[in-house]
Amino acid sequence: GKTAEEIAECLKKTPLDPRIAAAIKSAYELGCDLRIVSDANQF
C-alpha cells in the first residue's frame, strides 16, 4: 500500500553534501553543461 509519493518523501532524506550542491550550482552558473550518467533510476 505504499505510494510513489511516499517513496519520494523517503528520498528527500537521502544525504547530499552541501558543498557538492554548491559546486553543482557554481558550475551551472559558470555556464558548464552538466549531465548525469547513473545506474540508479529516473524517479
PDB file of all heavy atoms in Angstrom:
ATOM      1  N   GLY A   1       0.784  -1.228   0.000  1.00  0.00           N
ATOM      2  CA  GLY A   1       0.000   0.000   0.000  1.00  0.00           C
ATOM      3  C   GLY A   1       0.810   1.269   0.000  1.00  0.00           C
ATOM      4  O   GLY A   1       0.264   2.368   0.167  1.00  0.00           O
ATOM      5  N   LYS A   2       2.136   1.159  -0.201  1.00  0.00           N
ATOM      6  CA  LYS A   2       2.998   2.348  -0.239  1.00  0.00           C
ATOM      7  C   LYS A   2       2.878   3.017  -1.612  1.00  0.00           C
ATOM      8  O   LYS A   2       2.882   2.349  -2.640  1.00  0.00           O
ATOM      9  CB  LYS A   2       4.455   1.968   0.027  1.00  0.00           C
ATOM     10  CG  LYS A   2       4.687   1.300   1.381  1.00  0.00           C
ATOM     11  CD  LYS A   2       4.452   2.260   2.524  1.00  0.00           C
ATOM     12  CE  LYS A   2       4.605   1.569   3.884  1.00  0.00           C
ATOM     13  NZ  LYS A   2       5.946   1.016   4.078  1.00  0.00           N
ATOM     14  N   THR A   3       2.785   4.314  -1.630  1.00  0.00           N
ATOM     15  CA  THR A   3       2.593   5.066  -2.864  1.00  0.00           C
ATOM     16  C   THR A   3       3.909   5.639  -3.377  1.00  0.00           C
ATOM     17  O   THR A   3       4.909   5.726  -2.648  1.00  0.00           O
ATOM     18  CB  THR A   3       1.611   6.222  -2.640  1.00  0.00           C
ATOM     19  OG1 THR A   3       2.194   7.162  -1.719  1.00  0.00           O
ATOM     20  CG2 THR A   3       0.293   5.708  -2.074  1.00  0.00           C
ATOM     21  N   ALA A   4       3.881   6.091  -4.637  1.00  0.00           N
ATOM     22  CA  ALA A   4       5.047   6.755  -5.212  1.00  0.00           C
ATOM     23  C   ALA A   4       5.375   8.019  -4.435  1.00  0.00           C
ATOM     24  O   ALA A   4       6.551   8.387  -4.287  1.00  0.00           O
ATOM     25  CB  ALA A   4       4.794   7.078  -6.685  1.00  0.00           C
ATOM     26  N   GLU A   5       4.347   8.682  -3.921  1.00  0.00           N
ATOM     27  CA  GLU A   5       4.564   9.894  -3.117  1.00  0.00           C
ATOM     28  C   GLU A   5       5.316   9.573  -1.837  1.00  0.00           C
ATOM     29  O   GLU A   5       6.176  10.350  -1.394  1.00  0.00           O
ATOM     30  CB  GLU A   5       3.233  10.568  -2.797  1.00  0.00           C
ATOM     31  CG  GLU A   5       2.547  11.227  -3.987  1.00  0.00           C
ATOM     32  CD  GLU A   5       1.912  10.227  -4.950  1.00  0.00           C
ATOM     33  OE1 GLU A   5       1.690   9.056  -4.538  1.00  0.00           O
ATOM     34  OE2 GLU A   5       1.645  10.610  -6.106  1.00  0.00           O
ATOM     35  N   GLU A   6       5.021   8.438  -1.229  1.00  0.00           N
ATOM     36  CA  GLU A   6       5.738   8.042  -0.016  1.00  0.00           C
ATOM     37  C   GLU A   6       7.193   7.697  -0.314  1.00  0.00           C
ATOM     38  O   GLU A   6       8.088   7.980   0.491  1.00  0.00           O
ATOM     39  CB  GLU A   6       5.029   6.857   0.639  1.00  0.00           C
ATOM     40  CG  GLU A   6       3.704   7.223   1.288  1.00  0.00           C
ATOM     41  CD  GLU A   6       2.974   6.012   1.832  1.00  0.00           C
ATOM     42  OE1 GLU A   6       2.352   5.288   1.028  1.00  0.00           O
ATOM     43  OE2 GLU A   6       3.033   5.786   3.064  1.00  0.00           O
ATOM     44  N   ILE A   7       7.427   7.085  -1.464  1.00  0.00           N
ATOM     45  CA  ILE A   7       8.805   6.809  -1.872  1.00  0.00           C
ATOM     46  C   ILE A   7       9.555   8.118  -2.083  1.00  0.00           C
ATOM     47  O   ILE A   7      10.710   8.266  -1.667  1.00  0.00           O
ATOM     48  CB  ILE A   7       8.828   5.955  -3.155  1.00  0.00           C
ATOM     49  CG1 ILE A   7       8.145   4.601  -2.908  1.00  0.00           C
ATOM     50  CG2 ILE A   7      10.259   5.742  -3.638  1.00  0.00           C
ATOM     51  CD1 ILE A   7       7.919   3.790  -4.174  1.00  0.00           C
ATOM     52  N   ALA A   8       8.890   9.079  -2.706  1.00  0.00           N
ATOM     53  CA  ALA A   8       9.509  10.391  -2.931  1.00  0.00           C
ATOM     54  C   ALA A   8       9.857  11.066  -1.606  1.00  0.00           C
ATOM     55  O   ALA A   8      10.916  11.687  -1.475  1.00  0.00           O
ATOM     56  CB  ALA A   8       8.572  11.276  -3.756  1.00  0.00           C
ATOM     57  N   GLU A   9       8.981  10.953  -0.620  1.00  0.00           N
ATOM     58  CA  GLU A   9       9.255  11.539   0.694  1.00  0.00           C
ATOM     59  C   GLU A   9      10.466  10.884   1.338  1.00  0.00           C
ATOM     60  O   GLU A   9      11.292  11.553   1.969  1.00  0.00           O
ATOM     61  CB  GLU A   9       8.027  11.393   1.596  1.00  0.00           C
ATOM     62  CG  GLU A   9       6.908  12.362   1.287  1.00  0.00           C
ATOM     63  CD  GLU A   9       7.336  13.809   1.427  1.00  0.00           C
ATOM     64  OE1 GLU A   9       7.956  14.149   2.458  1.00  0.00           O
ATOM     65  OE2 GLU A   9       7.066  14.604   0.507  1.00  0.00           O
ATOM     66  N   CYS A  10      10.586   9.570   1.175  1.00  0.00           N
ATOM     67  CA  CYS A  10      11.755   8.850   1.707  1.00  0.00           C
ATOM     68  C   CYS A  10      13.034   9.353   1.049  1.00  0.00           C
ATOM     69  O   CYS A  10      14.058   9.548   1.722  1.00  0.00           O
ATOM     70  CB  CYS A  10      11.576   7.351   1.461  1.00  0.00           C
ATOM     71  SG  CYS A  10      12.996   6.340   1.918  1.00  0.00           S
ATOM     72  N   LEU A  11      12.976   9.602  -0.240  1.00  0.00           N
ATOM     73  CA  LEU A  11      14.165  10.033  -0.985  1.00  0.00           C
ATOM     74  C   LEU A  11      14.647  11.418  -0.567  1.00  0.00           C
ATOM     75  O   LEU A  11      15.831  11.732  -0.697  1.00  0.00           O
ATOM     76  CB  LEU A  11      13.872  10.018  -2.485  1.00  0.00           C
ATOM     77  CG  LEU A  11      13.748   8.626  -3.108  1.00  0.00           C
ATOM     78  CD1 LEU A  11      13.074   8.705  -4.471  1.00  0.00           C
ATOM     79  CD2 LEU A  11      15.123   7.972  -3.241  1.00  0.00           C
ATOM     80  N   LYS A  12      13.745  12.238  -0.047  1.00  0.00           N
ATOM     81  CA  LYS A  12      14.131  13.583   0.375  1.00  0.00           C
ATOM     82  C   LYS A  12      15.142  13.566   1.521  1.00  0.00           C
ATOM     83  O   LYS A  12      15.861  14.538   1.740  1.00  0.00           O
ATOM     84  CB  LYS A  12      12.896  14.377   0.803  1.00  0.00           C
ATOM     85  CG  LYS A  12      11.974  14.756  -0.342  1.00  0.00           C
ATOM     86  CD  LYS A  12      10.767  15.527   0.167  1.00  0.00           C
ATOM     87  CE  LYS A  12       9.823  15.908  -0.977  1.00  0.00           C
ATOM     88  NZ  LYS A  12       8.632  16.648  -0.487  1.00  0.00           N
ATOM     89  N   LYS A  13      15.209  12.452   2.230  1.00  0.00           N
ATOM     90  CA  LYS A  13      16.118  12.338   3.372  1.00  0.00           C
ATOM     91  C   LYS A  13      17.490  11.799   2.972  1.00  0.00           C
ATOM     92  O   LYS A  13      18.379  11.675   3.819  1.00  0.00           O
ATOM     93  CB  LYS A  13      15.502  11.434   4.435  1.00  0.00           C
ATOM     94  CG  LYS A  13      14.130  11.895   4.924  1.00  0.00           C
ATOM     95  CD  LYS A  13      13.502  10.869   5.855  1.00  0.00           C
ATOM     96  CE  LYS A  13      12.082  11.254   6.241  1.00  0.00           C
ATOM     97  NZ  LYS A  13      11.430  10.210   7.061  1.00  0.00           N
ATOM     98  N   THR A  14      17.659  11.473   1.693  1.00  0.00           N
ATOM     99  CA  THR A  14      18.944  10.948   1.234  1.00  0.00           C
ATOM    100  C   THR A  14      20.040  11.987   1.441  1.00  0.00           C
ATOM    101  O   THR A  14      19.878  13.149   1.063  1.00  0.00           O
ATOM    102  CB  THR A  14      18.862  10.586  -0.266  1.00  0.00           C
ATOM    103  OG1 THR A  14      17.744   9.746  -0.487  1.00  0.00           O
ATOM    104  CG2 THR A  14      20.120   9.885  -0.723  1.00  0.00           C
ATOM    105  N   PRO A  15      21.183  11.614   2.030  1.00  0.00           N
ATOM    106  CA  PRO A  15      22.230  12.606   2.321  1.00  0.00           C
ATOM    107  C   PRO A  15      22.896  13.157   1.065  1.00  0.00           C
ATOM    108  O   PRO A  15      23.282  12.405   0.167  1.00  0.00           O
ATOM    109  CB  PRO A  15      23.229  11.822   3.174  1.00  0.00           C
ATOM    110  CG  PRO A  15      22.987  10.380   2.835  1.00  0.00           C
ATOM    111  CD  PRO A  15      21.532  10.275   2.534  1.00  0.00           C
ATOM    112  N   LEU A  16      23.000  14.477   1.006  1.00  0.00           N
ATOM    113  CA  LEU A  16      23.703  15.159  -0.082  1.00  0.00           C
ATOM    114  C   LEU A  16      24.542  16.264   0.542  1.00  0.00           C
ATOM    115  O   LEU A  16      24.015  17.159   1.197  1.00  0.00           O
ATOM    116  CB  LEU A  16      22.701  15.722  -1.102  1.00  0.00           C
ATOM    117  CG  LEU A  16      23.269  16.200  -2.443  1.00  0.00           C
ATOM    118  CD1 LEU A  16      22.181  16.199  -3.509  1.00  0.00           C
ATOM    119  CD2 LEU A  16      23.878  17.591  -2.351  1.00  0.00           C
ATOM    120  N   ASP A  17      25.845  16.173   0.360  1.00  0.00           N
ATOM    121  CA  ASP A  17      26.774  17.133   0.954  1.00  0.00           C
ATOM    122  C   ASP A  17      26.488  18.538   0.415  1.00  0.00           C
ATOM    123  O   ASP A  17      26.456  18.746  -0.805  1.00  0.00           O
ATOM    124  CB  ASP A  17      28.211  16.733   0.618  1.00  0.00           C
ATOM    125  CG  ASP A  17      29.250  17.496   1.412  1.00  0.00           C
ATOM    126  OD1 ASP A  17      29.153  18.733   1.482  1.00  0.00           O
ATOM    127  OD2 ASP A  17      30.164  16.853   1.964  1.00  0.00           O
ATOM    128  N   PRO A  18      26.285  19.530   1.285  1.00  0.00           N
ATOM    129  CA  PRO A  18      26.004  20.891   0.808  1.00  0.00           C
ATOM    130  C   PRO A  18      27.133  21.481  -0.034  1.00  0.00           C
ATOM    131  O   PRO A  18      26.884  22.341  -0.885  1.00  0.00           O
ATOM    132  CB  PRO A  18      25.810  21.690   2.104  1.00  0.00           C
ATOM    133  CG  PRO A  18      26.396  20.863   3.190  1.00  0.00           C
ATOM    134  CD  PRO A  18      26.234  19.443   2.760  1.00  0.00           C
ATOM    135  N   ARG A  19      28.368  21.014   0.150  1.00  0.00           N
ATOM    136  CA  ARG A  19      29.464  21.515  -0.684  1.00  0.00           C
ATOM    137  C   ARG A  19      29.355  20.993  -2.114  1.00  0.00           C
ATOM    138  O   ARG A  19      29.745  21.668  -3.073  1.00  0.00           O
ATOM    139  CB  ARG A  19      30.818  21.108  -0.080  1.00  0.00           C
ATOM    140  CG  ARG A  19      31.076  21.669   1.305  1.00  0.00           C
ATOM    141  CD  ARG A  19      31.162  23.191   1.309  1.00  0.00           C
ATOM    142  NE  ARG A  19      32.323  23.679   0.595  1.00  0.00           N
ATOM    143  CZ  ARG A  19      33.502  23.925   1.153  1.00  0.00           C
ATOM    144  NH1 ARG A  19      33.690  23.710   2.438  1.00  0.00           N
ATOM    145  NH2 ARG A  19      34.506  24.392   0.431  1.00  0.00           N
ATOM    146  N   ILE A  20      28.819  19.781  -2.268  1.00  0.00           N
ATOM    147  CA  ILE A  20      28.600  19.252  -3.615  1.00  0.00           C
ATOM    148  C   ILE A  20      27.453  19.999  -4.286  1.00  0.00           C
ATOM    149  O   ILE A  20      27.527  20.341  -5.470  1.00  0.00           O
ATOM    150  CB  ILE A  20      28.346  17.738  -3.570  1.00  0.00           C
ATOM    151  CG1 ILE A  20      29.628  17.013  -3.134  1.00  0.00           C
ATOM    152  CG2 ILE A  20      27.866  17.215  -4.929  1.00  0.00           C
ATOM    153  CD1 ILE A  20      29.499  15.504  -3.028  1.00  0.00           C
ATOM    154  N   ALA A  21      26.411  20.270  -3.517  1.00  0.00           N
ATOM    155  CA  ALA A  21      25.303  21.069  -4.056  1.00  0.00           C
ATOM    156  C   ALA A  21      25.813  22.442  -4.501  1.00  0.00           C
ATOM    157  O   ALA A  21      25.440  22.940  -5.579  1.00  0.00           O
ATOM    158  CB  ALA A  21      24.203  21.218  -3.015  1.00  0.00           C
ATOM    159  N   ALA A  22      26.675  23.042  -3.702  1.00  0.00           N
ATOM    160  CA  ALA A  22      27.241  24.350  -4.045  1.00  0.00           C
ATOM    161  C   ALA A  22      28.108  24.263  -5.294  1.00  0.00           C
ATOM    162  O   ALA A  22      28.083  25.165  -6.148  1.00  0.00           O
ATOM    163  CB  ALA A  22      28.050  24.892  -2.870  1.00  0.00           C
ATOM    164  N   ALA A  23      28.877  23.178  -5.422  1.00  0.00           N
ATOM    165  CA  ALA A  23      29.730  23.003  -6.606  1.00  0.00           C
ATOM    166  C   ALA A  23      28.886  22.888  -7.868  1.00  0.00           C
ATOM    167  O   ALA A  23      29.229  23.450  -8.916  1.00  0.00           O
ATOM    168  CB  ALA A  23      30.604  21.760  -6.429  1.00  0.00           C
ATOM    169  N   ILE A  24      27.784  22.144  -7.777  1.00  0.00           N
ATOM    170  CA  ILE A  24      26.894  21.985  -8.932  1.00  0.00           C
ATOM    171  C   ILE A  24      26.317  23.332  -9.345  1.00  0.00           C
ATOM    172  O   ILE A  24      26.322  23.700 -10.528  1.00  0.00           O
ATOM    173  CB  ILE A  24      25.771  20.989  -8.595  1.00  0.00           C
ATOM    174  CG1 ILE A  24      26.343  19.575  -8.449  1.00  0.00           C
ATOM    175  CG2 ILE A  24      24.670  21.018  -9.665  1.00  0.00           C
ATOM    176  CD1 ILE A  24      25.387  18.585  -7.830  1.00  0.00           C
ATOM    177  N   LYS A  25      25.825  24.095  -8.371  1.00  0.00           N
ATOM    178  CA  LYS A  25      25.237  25.397  -8.683  1.00  0.00           C
ATOM    179  C   LYS A  25      26.281  26.354  -9.254  1.00  0.00           C
ATOM    180  O   LYS A  25      26.002  27.110 -10.202  1.00  0.00           O
ATOM    181  CB  LYS A  25      24.578  25.976  -7.437  1.00  0.00           C
ATOM    182  CG  LYS A  25      23.333  25.215  -7.001  1.00  0.00           C
ATOM    183  CD  LYS A  25      22.712  25.797  -5.747  1.00  0.00           C
ATOM    184  CE  LYS A  25      21.455  25.025  -5.347  1.00  0.00           C
ATOM    185  NZ  LYS A  25      20.851  25.559  -4.105  1.00  0.00           N
ATOM    186  N   SER A  26      27.493  26.308  -8.721  1.00  0.00           N
ATOM    187  CA  SER A  26      28.552  27.185  -9.237  1.00  0.00           C
ATOM    188  C   SER A  26      28.926  26.819 -10.668  1.00  0.00           C
ATOM    189  O   SER A  26      29.084  27.694 -11.529  1.00  0.00           O
ATOM    190  CB  SER A  26      29.792  27.095  -8.341  1.00  0.00           C
ATOM    191  OG  SER A  26      29.534  27.615  -7.058  1.00  0.00           O
ATOM    192  N   ALA A  27      29.085  25.523 -10.934  1.00  0.00           N
ATOM    193  CA  ALA A  27      29.434  25.081 -12.285  1.00  0.00           C
ATOM    194  C   ALA A  27      28.340  25.458 -13.277  1.00  0.00           C
ATOM    195  O   ALA A  27      28.624  25.878 -14.410  1.00  0.00           O
ATOM    196  CB  ALA A  27      29.671  23.575 -12.292  1.00  0.00           C
ATOM    197  N   TYR A  28      27.091  25.330 -12.860  1.00  0.00           N
ATOM    198  CA  TYR A  28      25.973  25.711 -13.725  1.00  0.00           C
ATOM    199  C   TYR A  28      25.982  27.212 -13.993  1.00  0.00           C
ATOM    200  O   TYR A  28      25.822  27.652 -15.137  1.00  0.00           O
ATOM    201  CB  TYR A  28      24.669  25.295 -13.060  1.00  0.00           C
ATOM    202  CG  TYR A  28      23.426  25.764 -13.787  1.00  0.00           C
ATOM    203  CD1 TYR A  28      23.032  25.168 -14.984  1.00  0.00           C
ATOM    204  CD2 TYR A  28      22.661  26.809 -13.272  1.00  0.00           C
ATOM    205  CE1 TYR A  28      21.891  25.604 -15.652  1.00  0.00           C
ATOM    206  CE2 TYR A  28      21.523  27.245 -13.939  1.00  0.00           C
ATOM    207  CZ  TYR A  28      21.140  26.635 -15.131  1.00  0.00           C
ATOM    208  OH  TYR A  28      20.019  27.078 -15.786  1.00  0.00           O
ATOM    209  N   GLU A  29      26.197  28.001 -12.947  1.00  0.00           N
ATOM    210  CA  GLU A  29      26.211  29.458 -13.106  1.00  0.00           C
ATOM    211  C   GLU A  29      27.379  29.921 -13.965  1.00  0.00           C
ATOM    212  O   GLU A  29      27.304  30.965 -14.633  1.00  0.00           O
ATOM    213  CB  GLU A  29      26.249  30.124 -11.731  1.00  0.00           C
ATOM    214  CG  GLU A  29      24.956  29.955 -10.942  1.00  0.00           C
ATOM    215  CD  GLU A  29      25.086  30.349  -9.486  1.00  0.00           C
ATOM    216  OE1 GLU A  29      26.211  30.733  -9.075  1.00  0.00           O
ATOM    217  OE2 GLU A  29      24.074  30.272  -8.762  1.00  0.00           O
ATOM    218  N   LEU A  30      28.450  29.151 -13.970  1.00  0.00           N
ATOM    219  CA  LEU A  30      29.604  29.481 -14.820  1.00  0.00           C
ATOM    220  C   LEU A  30      29.379  29.098 -16.281  1.00  0.00           C
ATOM    221  O   LEU A  30      30.210  29.386 -17.133  1.00  0.00           O
ATOM    222  CB  LEU A  30      30.858  28.784 -14.288  1.00  0.00           C
ATOM    223  CG  LEU A  30      31.437  29.350 -12.986  1.00  0.00           C
ATOM    224  CD1 LEU A  30      32.488  28.407 -12.406  1.00  0.00           C
ATOM    225  CD2 LEU A  30      32.027  30.734 -13.221  1.00  0.00           C
ATOM    226  N   GLY A  31      28.274  28.428 -16.568  1.00  0.00           N
ATOM    227  CA  GLY A  31      27.929  28.096 -17.947  1.00  0.00           C
ATOM    228  C   GLY A  31      28.324  26.718 -18.409  1.00  0.00           C
ATOM    229  O   GLY A  31      28.251  26.425 -19.614  1.00  0.00           O
ATOM    230  N   CYS A  32      28.738  25.850 -17.500  1.00  0.00           N
ATOM    231  CA  CYS A  32      29.076  24.478 -17.887  1.00  0.00           C
ATOM    232  C   CYS A  32      27.815  23.701 -18.253  1.00  0.00           C
ATOM    233  O   CYS A  32      26.729  23.967 -17.740  1.00  0.00           O
ATOM    234  CB  CYS A  32      29.797  23.763 -16.745  1.00  0.00           C
ATOM    235  SG  CYS A  32      31.393  24.459 -16.317  1.00  0.00           S
ATOM    236  N   ASP A  33      27.981  22.738 -19.128  1.00  0.00           N
ATOM    237  CA  ASP A  33      26.909  21.811 -19.486  1.00  0.00           C
ATOM    238  C   ASP A  33      27.009  20.623 -18.535  1.00  0.00           C
ATOM    239  O   ASP A  33      27.946  19.827 -18.621  1.00  0.00           O
ATOM    240  CB  ASP A  33      27.082  21.371 -20.939  1.00  0.00           C
ATOM    241  CG  ASP A  33      26.009  20.385 -21.387  1.00  0.00           C
ATOM    242  OD1 ASP A  33      25.086  20.092 -20.607  1.00  0.00           O
ATOM    243  OD2 ASP A  33      26.101  19.897 -22.535  1.00  0.00           O
ATOM    244  N   LEU A  34      26.053  20.479 -17.628  1.00  0.00           N
ATOM    245  CA  LEU A  34      26.098  19.431 -16.616  1.00  0.00           C
ATOM    246  C   LEU A  34      25.192  18.267 -17.014  1.00  0.00           C
ATOM    247  O   LEU A  34      24.035  18.470 -17.398  1.00  0.00           O
ATOM    248  CB  LEU A  34      25.654  19.973 -15.255  1.00  0.00           C
ATOM    249  CG  LEU A  34      26.377  21.219 -14.730  1.00  0.00           C
ATOM    250  CD1 LEU A  34      25.898  21.536 -13.318  1.00  0.00           C
ATOM    251  CD2 LEU A  34      27.881  21.031 -14.757  1.00  0.00           C
ATOM    252  N   ARG A  35      25.725  17.057 -16.914  1.00  0.00           N
ATOM    253  CA  ARG A  35      24.972  15.836 -17.234  1.00  0.00           C
ATOM    254  C   ARG A  35      25.109  14.858 -16.070  1.00  0.00           C
ATOM    255  O   ARG A  35      26.058  14.933 -15.283  1.00  0.00           O
ATOM    256  CB  ARG A  35      25.517  15.166 -18.499  1.00  0.00           C
ATOM    257  CG  ARG A  35      25.808  16.097 -19.687  1.00  0.00           C
ATOM    258  CD  ARG A  35      24.589  16.410 -20.478  1.00  0.00           C
ATOM    259  NE  ARG A  35      24.908  17.211 -21.668  1.00  0.00           N
ATOM    260  CZ  ARG A  35      24.863  16.743 -22.921  1.00  0.00           C
ATOM    261  NH1 ARG A  35      24.541  15.477 -23.139  1.00  0.00           N
ATOM    262  NH2 ARG A  35      25.140  17.539 -23.935  1.00  0.00           N
ATOM    263  N   ILE A  36      24.184  13.909 -16.004  1.00  0.00           N
ATOM    264  CA  ILE A  36      24.281  12.790 -15.069  1.00  0.00           C
ATOM    265  C   ILE A  36      24.216  11.500 -15.869  1.00  0.00           C
ATOM    266  O   ILE A  36      23.363  11.354 -16.750  1.00  0.00           O
ATOM    267  CB  ILE A  36      23.150  12.818 -14.024  1.00  0.00           C
ATOM    268  CG1 ILE A  36      23.338  13.983 -13.048  1.00  0.00           C
ATOM    269  CG2 ILE A  36      23.089  11.489 -13.252  1.00  0.00           C
ATOM    270  CD1 ILE A  36      22.195  14.159 -12.068  1.00  0.00           C
ATOM    271  N   VAL A  37      25.125  10.571 -15.576  1.00  0.00           N
ATOM    272  CA  VAL A  37      25.090   9.228 -16.143  1.00  0.00           C
ATOM    273  C   VAL A  37      25.109   8.264 -14.963  1.00  0.00           C
ATOM    274  O   VAL A  37      26.118   8.165 -14.251  1.00  0.00           O
ATOM    275  CB  VAL A  37      26.282   8.958 -17.077  1.00  0.00           C
ATOM    276  CG1 VAL A  37      26.175   7.561 -17.674  1.00  0.00           C
ATOM    277  CG2 VAL A  37      26.339   9.996 -18.188  1.00  0.00           C
ATOM    278  N   SER A  38      23.997   7.560 -14.739  1.00  0.00           N
ATOM    279  CA  SER A  38      23.858   6.813 -13.495  1.00  0.00           C
ATOM    280  C   SER A  38      23.094   5.509 -13.687  1.00  0.00           C
ATOM    281  O   SER A  38      22.139   5.442 -14.474  1.00  0.00           O
ATOM    282  CB  SER A  38      23.119   7.674 -12.454  1.00  0.00           C
ATOM    283  OG  SER A  38      22.759   6.904 -11.332  1.00  0.00           O
ATOM    284  N   ASP A  39      23.490   4.505 -12.911  1.00  0.00           N
ATOM    285  CA  ASP A  39      22.772   3.226 -12.889  1.00  0.00           C
ATOM    286  C   ASP A  39      21.726   3.207 -11.772  1.00  0.00           C
ATOM    287  O   ASP A  39      21.296   2.133 -11.346  1.00  0.00           O
ATOM    288  CB  ASP A  39      23.755   2.059 -12.712  1.00  0.00           C
ATOM    289  CG  ASP A  39      23.167   0.739 -13.183  1.00  0.00           C
ATOM    290  OD1 ASP A  39      22.043   0.746 -13.730  1.00  0.00           O
ATOM    291  OD2 ASP A  39      23.817  -0.304 -12.988  1.00  0.00           O
ATOM    292  N   ALA A  40      21.334   4.376 -11.287  1.00  0.00           N
ATOM    293  CA  ALA A  40      20.201   4.463 -10.366  1.00  0.00           C
ATOM    294  C   ALA A  40      18.934   4.443 -11.219  1.00  0.00           C
ATOM    295  O   ALA A  40      18.784   3.573 -12.069  1.00  0.00           O
ATOM    296  CB  ALA A  40      20.303   5.719  -9.511  1.00  0.00           C
ATOM    297  N   ASN A  41      18.023   5.365 -11.030  1.00  0.00           N
ATOM    298  CA  ASN A  41      16.851   5.422 -11.908  1.00  0.00           C
ATOM    299  C   ASN A  41      16.282   6.842 -11.925  1.00  0.00           C
ATOM    300  O   ASN A  41      16.567   7.661 -11.047  1.00  0.00           O
ATOM    301  CB  ASN A  41      15.791   4.396 -11.506  1.00  0.00           C
ATOM    302  CG  ASN A  41      15.154   4.684 -10.165  1.00  0.00           C
ATOM    303  OD1 ASN A  41      14.343   5.608 -10.032  1.00  0.00           O
ATOM    304  ND2 ASN A  41      15.528   3.911  -9.142  1.00  0.00           N
ATOM    305  N   GLN A  42      15.480   7.103 -12.937  1.00  0.00           N
ATOM    306  CA  GLN A  42      14.964   8.439 -13.194  1.00  0.00           C
ATOM    307  C   GLN A  42      14.173   9.010 -12.019  1.00  0.00           C
ATOM    308  O   GLN A  42      14.373  10.158 -11.621  1.00  0.00           O
ATOM    309  CB  GLN A  42      14.070   8.389 -14.436  1.00  0.00           C
ATOM    310  CG  GLN A  42      13.399   9.694 -14.813  1.00  0.00           C
ATOM    311  CD  GLN A  42      12.389   9.508 -15.935  1.00  0.00           C
ATOM    312  OE1 GLN A  42      12.262   8.411 -16.488  1.00  0.00           O
ATOM    313  NE2 GLN A  42      11.670  10.556 -16.255  1.00  0.00           N
ATOM    314  N   PHE A  43      13.286   8.210 -11.446  1.00  0.00           N
ATOM    315  CA  PHE A  43      12.430   8.698 -10.363  1.00  0.00           C
ATOM    316  C   PHE A  43      13.263   9.087  -9.151  1.00  0.00           C
ATOM    317  O   PHE A  43      13.112  10.188  -8.600  1.00  0.00           O
ATOM    318  CB  PHE A  43      11.413   7.620  -9.979  1.00  0.00           C
ATOM    319  CG  PHE A  43      10.402   8.052  -8.950  1.00  0.00           C
ATOM    320  CD1 PHE A  43       9.203   8.638  -9.345  1.00  0.00           C
ATOM    321  CD2 PHE A  43      10.633   7.868  -7.598  1.00  0.00           C
ATOM    322  CE1 PHE A  43       8.256   9.032  -8.401  1.00  0.00           C
ATOM    323  CE2 PHE A  43       9.705   8.259  -6.647  1.00  0.00           C
ATOM    324  CZ  PHE A  43       8.507   8.845  -7.054  1.00  0.00           C
TER     325      PHE A  43
END
